PDB file of all heavy atoms in Angstrom:
ATOM      1  N   VAL A   1       0.853  -1.178   0.000  1.00  0.00           N
ATOM      2  CA  VAL A   1       0.000   0.000   0.000  1.00  0.00           C
ATOM      3  C   VAL A   1       0.897   1.238   0.000  1.00  0.00           C
ATOM      4  O   VAL A   1       2.086   1.149   0.278  1.00  0.00           O
ATOM      5  CB  VAL A   1      -0.938   0.040   1.238  1.00  0.00           C
ATOM      6  CG1 VAL A   1      -1.827  -1.186   1.297  1.00  0.00           C
ATOM      7  CG2 VAL A   1      -0.164   0.198   2.527  1.00  0.00           C
ATOM      8  N   ASN A   2       0.282   2.391  -0.303  1.00  0.00           N
ATOM      9  CA  ASN A   2       1.048   3.633  -0.201  1.00  0.00           C
ATOM     10  C   ASN A   2       0.582   4.401   1.031  1.00  0.00           C
ATOM     11  O   ASN A   2      -0.328   3.969   1.738  1.00  0.00           O
ATOM     12  CB  ASN A   2       0.937   4.466  -1.485  1.00  0.00           C
ATOM     13  CG  ASN A   2      -0.479   4.907  -1.786  1.00  0.00           C
ATOM     14  OD1 ASN A   2      -1.341   4.936  -0.929  1.00  0.00           O
ATOM     15  ND2 ASN A   2      -0.723   5.264  -3.038  1.00  0.00           N
ATOM     16  N   GLY A   3       1.221   5.521   1.280  1.00  0.00           N
ATOM     17  CA  GLY A   3       0.892   6.328   2.443  1.00  0.00           C
ATOM     18  C   GLY A   3      -0.488   6.957   2.384  1.00  0.00           C
ATOM     19  O   GLY A   3      -0.988   7.444   3.389  1.00  0.00           O
ATOM     20  N   LYS A   4      -1.109   6.927   1.218  1.00  0.00           N
ATOM     21  CA  LYS A   4      -2.486   7.405   1.086  1.00  0.00           C
ATOM     22  C   LYS A   4      -3.480   6.319   1.470  1.00  0.00           C
ATOM     23  O   LYS A   4      -4.679   6.495   1.358  1.00  0.00           O
ATOM     24  CB  LYS A   4      -2.769   7.842  -0.353  1.00  0.00           C
ATOM     25  CG  LYS A   4      -1.984   9.032  -0.813  1.00  0.00           C
ATOM     26  CD  LYS A   4      -2.320   9.341  -2.261  1.00  0.00           C
ATOM     27  CE  LYS A   4      -1.452  10.443  -2.806  1.00  0.00           C
ATOM     28  NZ  LYS A   4      -1.759  10.720  -4.217  1.00  0.00           N
ATOM     29  N   LYS A   5      -2.926   5.161   1.874  1.00  0.00           N
ATOM     30  CA  LYS A   5      -3.702   3.977   2.247  1.00  0.00           C
ATOM     31  C   LYS A   5      -4.461   3.404   1.062  1.00  0.00           C
ATOM     32  O   LYS A   5      -5.582   2.921   1.193  1.00  0.00           O
ATOM     33  CB  LYS A   5      -4.624   4.273   3.431  1.00  0.00           C
ATOM     34  CG  LYS A   5      -3.849   4.647   4.686  1.00  0.00           C
ATOM     35  CD  LYS A   5      -4.746   4.770   5.881  1.00  0.00           C
ATOM     36  CE  LYS A   5      -3.922   5.058   7.127  1.00  0.00           C
ATOM     37  NZ  LYS A   5      -4.753   5.157   8.311  1.00  0.00           N
ATOM     38  N   GLU A   6      -3.827   3.463  -0.092  1.00  0.00           N
ATOM     39  CA  GLU A   6      -4.366   2.828  -1.302  1.00  0.00           C
ATOM     40  C   GLU A   6      -3.610   1.526  -1.520  1.00  0.00           C
ATOM     41  O   GLU A   6      -2.386   1.491  -1.431  1.00  0.00           O
ATOM     42  CB  GLU A   6      -4.163   3.740  -2.516  1.00  0.00           C
ATOM     43  CG  GLU A   6      -4.870   5.066  -2.395  1.00  0.00           C
ATOM     44  CD  GLU A   6      -4.451   6.053  -3.478  1.00  0.00           C
ATOM     45  OE1 GLU A   6      -3.317   5.976  -3.984  1.00  0.00           O
ATOM     46  OE2 GLU A   6      -5.277   6.914  -3.807  1.00  0.00           O
ATOM     47  N   VAL A   7      -4.356   0.458  -1.811  1.00  0.00           N
ATOM     48  CA  VAL A   7      -3.716  -0.824  -2.087  1.00  0.00           C
ATOM     49  C   VAL A   7      -3.093  -0.756  -3.468  1.00  0.00           C
ATOM     50  O   VAL A   7      -3.766  -0.473  -4.460  1.00  0.00           O
ATOM     51  CB  VAL A   7      -4.734  -1.990  -1.999  1.00  0.00           C
ATOM     52  CG1 VAL A   7      -4.074  -3.308  -2.348  1.00  0.00           C
ATOM     53  CG2 VAL A   7      -5.355  -2.053  -0.615  1.00  0.00           C
ATOM     54  N   LEU A   8      -1.778  -1.009  -3.546  1.00  0.00           N
ATOM     55  CA  LEU A   8      -1.064  -0.960  -4.819  1.00  0.00           C
ATOM     56  C   LEU A   8      -0.984  -2.337  -5.472  1.00  0.00           C
ATOM     57  O   LEU A   8      -1.072  -2.447  -6.689  1.00  0.00           O
ATOM     58  CB  LEU A   8       0.349  -0.399  -4.612  1.00  0.00           C
ATOM     59  CG  LEU A   8       0.424   0.998  -4.007  1.00  0.00           C
ATOM     60  CD1 LEU A   8       1.877   1.378  -3.749  1.00  0.00           C
ATOM     61  CD2 LEU A   8      -0.250   2.011  -4.920  1.00  0.00           C
ATOM     62  N   SER A   9      -0.789  -3.366  -4.643  1.00  0.00           N
ATOM     63  CA  SER A   9      -0.717  -4.716  -5.198  1.00  0.00           C
ATOM     64  C   SER A   9      -0.930  -5.751  -4.108  1.00  0.00           C
ATOM     65  O   SER A   9      -0.697  -5.493  -2.926  1.00  0.00           O
ATOM     66  CB  SER A   9       0.639  -4.960  -5.874  1.00  0.00           C
ATOM     67  OG  SER A   9       1.675  -4.989  -4.903  1.00  0.00           O
ATOM     68  N   VAL A  10      -1.386  -6.907  -4.546  1.00  0.00           N
ATOM     69  CA  VAL A  10      -1.494  -8.090  -3.695  1.00  0.00           C
ATOM     70  C   VAL A  10      -0.863  -9.221  -4.488  1.00  0.00           C
ATOM     71  O   VAL A  10      -1.239  -9.470  -5.632  1.00  0.00           O
ATOM     72  CB  VAL A  10      -2.963  -8.422  -3.354  1.00  0.00           C
ATOM     73  CG1 VAL A  10      -3.052  -9.731  -2.574  1.00  0.00           C
ATOM     74  CG2 VAL A  10      -3.600  -7.288  -2.561  1.00  0.00           C
ATOM     75  N   THR A  11       0.126  -9.886  -3.877  1.00  0.00           N
ATOM     76  CA  THR A  11       0.823 -10.986  -4.531  1.00  0.00           C
ATOM     77  C   THR A  11       0.505 -12.273  -3.777  1.00  0.00           C
ATOM     78  O   THR A  11       0.660 -12.329  -2.553  1.00  0.00           O
ATOM     79  CB  THR A  11       2.346 -10.749  -4.533  1.00  0.00           C
ATOM     80  OG1 THR A  11       2.593  -9.481  -5.145  1.00  0.00           O
ATOM     81  CG2 THR A  11       3.074 -11.841  -5.290  1.00  0.00           C
ATOM     82  N   ILE A  12       0.066 -13.280  -4.522  1.00  0.00           N
ATOM     83  CA  ILE A  12      -0.269 -14.575  -3.927  1.00  0.00           C
ATOM     84  C   ILE A  12       0.561 -15.644  -4.622  1.00  0.00           C
ATOM     85  O   ILE A  12       0.480 -15.811  -5.843  1.00  0.00           O
ATOM     86  CB  ILE A  12      -1.771 -14.886  -4.091  1.00  0.00           C
ATOM     87  CG1 ILE A  12      -2.606 -13.774  -3.436  1.00  0.00           C
ATOM     88  CG2 ILE A  12      -2.102 -16.253  -3.499  1.00  0.00           C
ATOM     89  CD1 ILE A  12      -4.087 -13.841  -3.742  1.00  0.00           C
ATOM     90  N   LYS A  13       1.346 -16.357  -3.847  1.00  0.00           N
ATOM     91  CA  LYS A  13       2.145 -17.438  -4.415  1.00  0.00           C
ATOM     92  C   LYS A  13       1.236 -18.639  -4.690  1.00  0.00           C
ATOM     93  O   LYS A  13       0.269 -18.874  -3.964  1.00  0.00           O
ATOM     94  CB  LYS A  13       3.280 -17.831  -3.462  1.00  0.00           C
ATOM     95  CG  LYS A  13       4.334 -16.743  -3.348  1.00  0.00           C
ATOM     96  CD  LYS A  13       5.521 -17.205  -2.558  1.00  0.00           C
ATOM     97  CE  LYS A  13       6.583 -16.101  -2.529  1.00  0.00           C
ATOM     98  NZ  LYS A  13       7.721 -16.479  -1.701  1.00  0.00           N
ATOM     99  N   PRO A  14       1.540 -19.392  -5.739  1.00  0.00           N
ATOM    100  CA  PRO A  14       0.679 -20.519  -6.122  1.00  0.00           C
ATOM    101  C   PRO A  14       0.418 -21.514  -4.993  1.00  0.00           C
ATOM    102  O   PRO A  14      -0.688 -22.058  -4.894  1.00  0.00           O
ATOM    103  CB  PRO A  14       1.447 -21.181  -7.266  1.00  0.00           C
ATOM    104  CG  PRO A  14       2.317 -20.108  -7.809  1.00  0.00           C
ATOM    105  CD  PRO A  14       2.653 -19.217  -6.660  1.00  0.00           C
ATOM    106  N   GLU A  15       1.397 -21.734  -4.123  1.00  0.00           N
ATOM    107  CA  GLU A  15       1.198 -22.706  -3.053  1.00  0.00           C
ATOM    108  C   GLU A  15       0.159 -22.260  -2.022  1.00  0.00           C
ATOM    109  O   GLU A  15      -0.299 -23.062  -1.214  1.00  0.00           O
ATOM    110  CB  GLU A  15       2.519 -23.063  -2.353  1.00  0.00           C
ATOM    111  CG  GLU A  15       3.249 -21.893  -1.740  1.00  0.00           C
ATOM    112  CD  GLU A  15       4.310 -21.267  -2.639  1.00  0.00           C
ATOM    113  OE1 GLU A  15       4.222 -21.377  -3.877  1.00  0.00           O
ATOM    114  OE2 GLU A  15       5.226 -20.645  -2.094  1.00  0.00           O
ATOM    115  N   ALA A  16      -0.240 -20.987  -2.066  1.00  0.00           N
ATOM    116  CA  ALA A  16      -1.266 -20.499  -1.152  1.00  0.00           C
ATOM    117  C   ALA A  16      -2.667 -20.805  -1.654  1.00  0.00           C
ATOM    118  O   ALA A  16      -3.634 -20.711  -0.906  1.00  0.00           O
ATOM    119  CB  ALA A  16      -1.117 -18.998  -0.948  1.00  0.00           C
ATOM    120  N   VAL A  17      -2.781 -21.186  -2.913  1.00  0.00           N
ATOM    121  CA  VAL A  17      -4.091 -21.416  -3.517  1.00  0.00           C
ATOM    122  C   VAL A  17      -4.489 -22.881  -3.340  1.00  0.00           C
ATOM    123  O   VAL A  17      -3.909 -23.779  -3.938  1.00  0.00           O
ATOM    124  CB  VAL A  17      -4.081 -21.041  -5.015  1.00  0.00           C
ATOM    125  CG1 VAL A  17      -5.457 -21.261  -5.624  1.00  0.00           C
ATOM    126  CG2 VAL A  17      -3.636 -19.597  -5.189  1.00  0.00           C
ATOM    127  N   ASP A  18      -5.474 -23.069  -2.479  1.00  0.00           N
ATOM    128  CA  ASP A  18      -6.029 -24.401  -2.243  1.00  0.00           C
ATOM    129  C   ASP A  18      -7.529 -24.301  -2.503  1.00  0.00           C
ATOM    130  O   ASP A  18      -8.258 -23.708  -1.706  1.00  0.00           O
ATOM    131  CB  ASP A  18      -5.751 -24.840  -0.814  1.00  0.00           C
ATOM    132  CG  ASP A  18      -6.316 -26.213  -0.493  1.00  0.00           C
ATOM    133  OD1 ASP A  18      -6.925 -26.844  -1.392  1.00  0.00           O
ATOM    134  OD2 ASP A  18      -6.134 -26.662   0.655  1.00  0.00           O
ATOM    135  N   PRO A  19      -8.007 -24.882  -3.604  1.00  0.00           N
ATOM    136  CA  PRO A  19      -9.434 -24.784  -3.922  1.00  0.00           C
ATOM    137  C   PRO A  19     -10.334 -25.319  -2.810  1.00  0.00           C
ATOM    138  O   PRO A  19     -11.495 -24.932  -2.702  1.00  0.00           O
ATOM    139  CB  PRO A  19      -9.596 -25.620  -5.190  1.00  0.00           C
ATOM    140  CG  PRO A  19      -8.229 -25.793  -5.736  1.00  0.00           C
ATOM    141  CD  PRO A  19      -7.272 -25.644  -4.597  1.00  0.00           C
ATOM    142  N   GLU A  20      -9.776 -26.176  -1.975  1.00  0.00           N
ATOM    143  CA  GLU A  20     -10.550 -26.757  -0.881  1.00  0.00           C
ATOM    144  C   GLU A  20     -10.643 -25.802   0.320  1.00  0.00           C
ATOM    145  O   GLU A  20     -11.466 -26.014   1.201  1.00  0.00           O
ATOM    146  CB  GLU A  20      -9.897 -28.069  -0.414  1.00  0.00           C
ATOM    147  CG  GLU A  20      -9.747 -29.113  -1.502  1.00  0.00           C
ATOM    148  CD  GLU A  20     -11.076 -29.713  -1.913  1.00  0.00           C
ATOM    149  OE1 GLU A  20     -11.915 -29.944  -1.027  1.00  0.00           O
ATOM    150  OE2 GLU A  20     -11.270 -29.945  -3.124  1.00  0.00           O
ATOM    151  N   ASP A  21      -9.770 -24.781   0.366  1.00  0.00           N
ATOM    152  CA  ASP A  21      -9.721 -23.888   1.530  1.00  0.00           C
ATOM    153  C   ASP A  21      -9.572 -22.431   1.093  1.00  0.00           C
ATOM    154  O   ASP A  21      -8.584 -21.758   1.406  1.00  0.00           O
ATOM    155  CB  ASP A  21      -8.564 -24.297   2.457  1.00  0.00           C
ATOM    156  CG  ASP A  21      -8.678 -23.663   3.827  1.00  0.00           C
ATOM    157  OD1 ASP A  21      -9.669 -22.951   4.090  1.00  0.00           O
ATOM    158  OD2 ASP A  21      -7.752 -23.866   4.640  1.00  0.00           O
ATOM    159  N   VAL A  22     -10.565 -21.931   0.405  1.00  0.00           N
ATOM    160  CA  VAL A  22     -10.553 -20.557  -0.090  1.00  0.00           C
ATOM    161  C   VAL A  22     -10.601 -19.561   1.072  1.00  0.00           C
ATOM    162  O   VAL A  22      -9.987 -18.496   1.014  1.00  0.00           O
ATOM    163  CB  VAL A  22     -11.723 -20.324  -1.074  1.00  0.00           C
ATOM    164  CG1 VAL A  22     -11.828 -18.865  -1.484  1.00  0.00           C
ATOM    165  CG2 VAL A  22     -11.568 -21.211  -2.288  1.00  0.00           C
ATOM    166  N   GLU A  23     -11.283 -19.924   2.144  1.00  0.00           N
ATOM    167  CA  GLU A  23     -11.395 -19.024   3.291  1.00  0.00           C
ATOM    168  C   GLU A  23     -10.036 -18.671   3.871  1.00  0.00           C
ATOM    169  O   GLU A  23      -9.803 -17.535   4.275  1.00  0.00           O
ATOM    170  CB  GLU A  23     -12.268 -19.649   4.383  1.00  0.00           C
ATOM    171  CG  GLU A  23     -13.739 -19.458   4.143  1.00  0.00           C
ATOM    172  CD  GLU A  23     -14.569 -19.947   5.319  1.00  0.00           C
ATOM    173  OE1 GLU A  23     -14.137 -19.800   6.477  1.00  0.00           O
ATOM    174  OE2 GLU A  23     -15.659 -20.464   5.056  1.00  0.00           O
ATOM    175  N   MET A  24      -9.120 -19.636   3.918  1.00  0.00           N
ATOM    176  CA  MET A  24      -7.798 -19.364   4.455  1.00  0.00           C
ATOM    177  C   MET A  24      -7.083 -18.323   3.593  1.00  0.00           C
ATOM    178  O   MET A  24      -6.469 -17.392   4.106  1.00  0.00           O
ATOM    179  CB  MET A  24      -6.942 -20.626   4.524  1.00  0.00           C
ATOM    180  CG  MET A  24      -5.566 -20.365   5.132  1.00  0.00           C
ATOM    181  SD  MET A  24      -4.421 -21.718   4.959  1.00  0.00           S
ATOM    182  CE  MET A  24      -4.092 -21.709   3.207  1.00  0.00           C
ATOM    183  N   LEU A  25      -7.184 -18.454   2.305  1.00  0.00           N
ATOM    184  CA  LEU A  25      -6.554 -17.493   1.406  1.00  0.00           C
ATOM    185  C   LEU A  25      -7.166 -16.105   1.587  1.00  0.00           C
ATOM    186  O   LEU A  25      -6.454 -15.101   1.641  1.00  0.00           O
ATOM    187  CB  LEU A  25      -6.684 -17.949  -0.055  1.00  0.00           C
ATOM    188  CG  LEU A  25      -6.087 -17.019  -1.099  1.00  0.00           C
ATOM    189  CD1 LEU A  25      -4.610 -16.767  -0.827  1.00  0.00           C
ATOM    190  CD2 LEU A  25      -6.290 -17.610  -2.486  1.00  0.00           C
ATOM    191  N   GLN A  26      -8.478 -16.049   1.711  1.00  0.00           N
ATOM    192  CA  GLN A  26      -9.144 -14.760   1.936  1.00  0.00           C
ATOM    193  C   GLN A  26      -8.661 -14.127   3.236  1.00  0.00           C
ATOM    194  O   GLN A  26      -8.386 -12.919   3.291  1.00  0.00           O
ATOM    195  CB  GLN A  26     -10.664 -14.954   1.981  1.00  0.00           C
ATOM    196  CG  GLN A  26     -11.253 -15.339   0.649  1.00  0.00           C
ATOM    197  CD  GLN A  26     -12.716 -15.779   0.758  1.00  0.00           C
ATOM    198  OE1 GLN A  26     -13.173 -16.201   1.820  1.00  0.00           O
ATOM    199  NE2 GLN A  26     -13.431 -15.695  -0.357  1.00  0.00           N
ATOM    200  N   ASP A  27      -8.535 -14.920   4.287  1.00  0.00           N
ATOM    201  CA  ASP A  27      -8.052 -14.411   5.571  1.00  0.00           C
ATOM    202  C   ASP A  27      -6.623 -13.890   5.461  1.00  0.00           C
ATOM    203  O   ASP A  27      -6.278 -12.859   6.042  1.00  0.00           O
ATOM    204  CB  ASP A  27      -8.117 -15.502   6.643  1.00  0.00           C
ATOM    205  CG  ASP A  27      -9.542 -15.850   7.051  1.00  0.00           C
ATOM    206  OD1 ASP A  27     -10.461 -15.066   6.733  1.00  0.00           O
ATOM    207  OD2 ASP A  27      -9.728 -16.916   7.678  1.00  0.00           O
ATOM    208  N   LEU A  28      -5.792 -14.599   4.709  1.00  0.00           N
ATOM    209  CA  LEU A  28      -4.405 -14.166   4.527  1.00  0.00           C
ATOM    210  C   LEU A  28      -4.343 -12.829   3.794  1.00  0.00           C
ATOM    211  O   LEU A  28      -3.559 -11.944   4.149  1.00  0.00           O
ATOM    212  CB  LEU A  28      -3.595 -15.223   3.779  1.00  0.00           C
ATOM    213  CG  LEU A  28      -3.261 -16.500   4.556  1.00  0.00           C
ATOM    214  CD1 LEU A  28      -2.637 -17.540   3.619  1.00  0.00           C
ATOM    215  CD2 LEU A  28      -2.346 -16.215   5.725  1.00  0.00           C
ATOM    216  N   VAL A  29      -5.158 -12.679   2.765  1.00  0.00           N
ATOM    217  CA  VAL A  29      -5.176 -11.428   2.001  1.00  0.00           C
ATOM    218  C   VAL A  29      -5.617 -10.272   2.902  1.00  0.00           C
ATOM    219  O   VAL A  29      -4.981  -9.213   2.941  1.00  0.00           O
ATOM    220  CB  VAL A  29      -6.076 -11.541   0.753  1.00  0.00           C
ATOM    221  CG1 VAL A  29      -6.287 -10.179   0.101  1.00  0.00           C
ATOM    222  CG2 VAL A  29      -5.483 -12.526  -0.245  1.00  0.00           C
ATOM    223  N   VAL A  30      -6.694 -10.478   3.643  1.00  0.00           N
ATOM    224  CA  VAL A  30      -7.191  -9.432   4.541  1.00  0.00           C
ATOM    225  C   VAL A  30      -6.130  -9.076   5.572  1.00  0.00           C
ATOM    226  O   VAL A  30      -5.867  -7.904   5.852  1.00  0.00           O
ATOM    227  CB  VAL A  30      -8.509  -9.885   5.226  1.00  0.00           C
ATOM    228  CG1 VAL A  30      -8.888  -8.946   6.365  1.00  0.00           C
ATOM    229  CG2 VAL A  30      -9.627  -9.961   4.209  1.00  0.00           C
ATOM    230  N   SER A  31      -5.483 -10.085   6.131  1.00  0.00           N
ATOM    231  CA  SER A  31      -4.458  -9.857   7.144  1.00  0.00           C
ATOM    232  C   SER A  31      -3.276  -9.066   6.583  1.00  0.00           C
ATOM    233  O   SER A  31      -2.784  -8.127   7.214  1.00  0.00           O
ATOM    234  CB  SER A  31      -3.984 -11.198   7.697  1.00  0.00           C
ATOM    235  OG  SER A  31      -3.019 -11.022   8.682  1.00  0.00           O
ATOM    236  N   ALA A  32      -2.824  -9.422   5.396  1.00  0.00           N
ATOM    237  CA  ALA A  32      -1.691  -8.719   4.779  1.00  0.00           C
ATOM    238  C   ALA A  32      -2.047  -7.267   4.477  1.00  0.00           C
ATOM    239  O   ALA A  32      -1.257  -6.350   4.743  1.00  0.00           O
ATOM    240  CB  ALA A  32      -1.248  -9.440   3.511  1.00  0.00           C
ATOM    241  N   VAL A  33      -3.226  -7.038   3.932  1.00  0.00           N
ATOM    242  CA  VAL A  33      -3.646  -5.668   3.603  1.00  0.00           C
ATOM    243  C   VAL A  33      -3.783  -4.837   4.879  1.00  0.00           C
ATOM    244  O   VAL A  33      -3.296  -3.701   4.950  1.00  0.00           O
ATOM    245  CB  VAL A  33      -4.966  -5.671   2.798  1.00  0.00           C
ATOM    246  CG1 VAL A  33      -5.547  -4.264   2.677  1.00  0.00           C
ATOM    247  CG2 VAL A  33      -4.738  -6.269   1.414  1.00  0.00           C
TER     248      VAL A  33
END
């Protein structure tokens, strides 16, 4: 993010993508942001 609190990018590595556990990925994204 920048100092204006705008999200500039979100990077997700392939090993984080588990079709069986989408909620975990969503939680990780929210936590990182």
